[in-house]
Protein backbone atom coordinates (compact mmCIF):
# COMPACT_ATOMS: atom_id res chain seq x y z
CA GLN A 1 -9.63 36.59 2.08
CA VAL A 2 -9.78 32.77 1.63
CA GLN A 3 -13.01 31.09 2.53
CA LEU A 4 -13.35 27.40 2.87
CA VAL A 5 -16.54 25.42 2.29
CA GLU A 6 -16.82 21.92 3.50
CA SER A 7 -19.43 19.23 2.81
CA GLY A 8 -19.94 15.49 3.16
CA GLY A 9 -20.55 14.95 6.86
CA GLY A 10 -23.10 13.06 8.32
CA LEU A 11 -24.52 10.07 10.14
CA VAL A 12 -23.03 6.55 9.53
CA GLN A 13 -23.10 3.35 11.07
CA ALA A 14 -19.73 1.67 12.50
CA GLY A 15 -17.69 0.17 9.81
CA GLY A 16 -19.23 2.46 7.05
CA SER A 17 -17.62 5.16 4.88
CA LEU A 18 -17.78 9.01 4.29
CA THR A 19 -16.00 11.33 2.01
CA LEU A 20 -15.48 15.02 3.19
CA SER A 21 -14.79 17.74 0.68
CA CYS A 22 -13.41 21.16 1.07
CA ALA A 23 -13.29 23.87 -1.60
CA ALA A 24 -11.28 26.84 -1.23
CA THR A 25 -12.02 30.28 -2.82
CA GLY A 26 -10.61 33.81 -2.62
CA ARG A 27 -7.10 35.20 -2.90
CA ILE A 28 -5.08 32.04 -2.48
CA PHE A 29 -1.33 32.00 -2.92
CA SER A 30 1.25 29.28 -2.91
CA ILE A 31 -0.33 26.51 -0.49
CA ASN A 32 1.88 25.42 2.35
CA ALA A 33 -0.53 22.94 3.50
CA MET A 34 -4.15 21.94 3.03
CA GLY A 35 -6.04 19.31 5.17
CA TRP A 36 -8.36 18.24 8.07
CA TYR A 37 -8.60 18.48 11.69
CA ARG A 38 -11.44 17.30 13.99
CA GLN A 39 -12.70 18.06 17.46
CA ALA A 40 -14.80 16.09 19.86
CA PRO A 41 -16.64 17.32 22.80
CA GLY A 42 -14.31 18.04 25.64
CA LYS A 43 -11.12 17.24 23.70
CA GLN A 44 -8.67 19.40 21.96
CA ARG A 45 -8.63 20.00 18.17
CA GLU A 46 -6.29 17.12 16.51
CA LEU A 47 -4.71 16.40 13.23
CA VAL A 48 -6.65 14.10 10.93
CA ALA A 49 -4.55 14.53 7.73
CA THR A 50 -2.82 17.33 5.67
CA MET A 51 -1.17 17.47 2.24
CA SER A 52 1.57 19.94 1.62
CA GLY A 53 1.90 22.04 -1.61
CA GLY A 54 4.40 19.56 -2.76
CA GLY A 55 2.12 16.64 -2.37
CA SER A 56 3.36 15.00 0.74
CA ARG A 57 0.70 13.56 3.24
CA ASN A 58 0.62 13.69 6.96
CA TYR A 59 -1.70 11.41 9.08
CA GLY A 60 -2.73 11.46 12.50
CA ASP A 61 -1.72 8.35 14.41
CA PHE A 62 -5.32 7.04 15.13
CA VAL A 63 -6.07 6.93 11.37
CA LYS A 64 -4.12 3.57 11.18
CA GLY A 65 -4.71 3.26 7.39
CA ARG A 66 -8.37 3.91 7.43
CA PHE A 67 -8.31 7.42 5.87
CA THR A 68 -6.87 8.82 2.66
CA ILE A 69 -6.50 12.57 2.09
CA SER A 70 -6.34 13.73 -1.77
CA ARG A 71 -6.37 17.05 -3.62
CA ASP A 72 -7.65 18.41 -6.89
CA ASN A 73 -5.32 21.33 -7.53
CA ALA A 74 -7.16 22.97 -10.37
CA LYS A 75 -10.28 23.11 -8.07
CA ASN A 76 -8.42 24.22 -4.87
CA THR A 77 -10.34 21.22 -3.11
CA VAL A 78 -9.26 18.57 -0.65
CA TYR A 79 -10.96 15.45 -0.02
CA LEU A 80 -10.67 12.95 2.92
CA GLN A 81 -12.04 9.44 2.35
CA MET A 82 -12.82 7.73 5.65
CA ASN A 83 -13.42 3.92 5.77
CA SER A 84 -14.02 1.51 8.58
CA LEU A 85 -15.35 4.33 10.79
CA LYS A 86 -15.68 3.96 14.39
CA PRO A 87 -17.87 5.58 17.25
CA GLU A 88 -14.81 7.27 18.43
CA ASP A 89 -14.29 9.02 15.15
CA THR A 90 -17.33 11.14 15.97
CA ALA A 91 -16.40 14.81 15.96
CA VAL A 92 -16.61 18.18 13.99
CA TYR A 93 -14.30 18.02 11.15
CA TYR A 94 -12.48 21.28 10.29
CA CYS A 95 -10.79 22.00 6.99
CA ASN A 96 -7.61 24.01 7.10
CA LEU A 97 -5.61 25.88 4.42
CA ARG A 98 -2.32 27.67 5.31
CA ASP A 99 -0.23 29.62 2.42
CA PHE A 100 2.55 32.11 3.17
CA VAL A 101 -0.07 34.59 4.56
CA ASN A 102 -3.13 32.73 5.48
CA ASN A 103 -4.28 30.43 8.02
CA ALA A 104 -7.94 29.62 7.09
CA TRP A 105 -10.49 27.46 8.66
CA GLY A 106 -13.95 26.24 7.57
CA GLN A 107 -16.79 26.27 9.94
CA GLY A 108 -16.89 22.62 10.25
CA THR A 109 -18.87 19.50 9.39
CA GLN A 110 -20.35 17.13 11.89
CA VAL A 111 -19.47 13.41 11.55
CA THR A 112 -21.54 10.87 13.68
CA VAL A 113 -20.70 7.30 13.74
CA SER A 114 -23.25 5.18 15.48
CA SER A 115 -22.58 1.85 17.33
């Protein structure tokens, strides 16, 4: 059973930066994709950024060059560097991992950006 542990969320002023981390443990097979989604109150969960097993990256349109996803394969850990944060980035950020048998989600970490 795959488990994901997220960290790095918190409160930051507009224009600031945060880095999120997600460490995967358990019976992990060949990773299809690993990355981040977010959900704000009253809105659907949306793509933030993912990285495929081959290293290709996929970003949500709202990122506009502000966020960068990276991965440490030896640690099965994915990171999200977020710069130039805006109040509309406020949401719960969820880590996700998909391999040939799993579709695992973390419990989420709150990111709050103040005006």
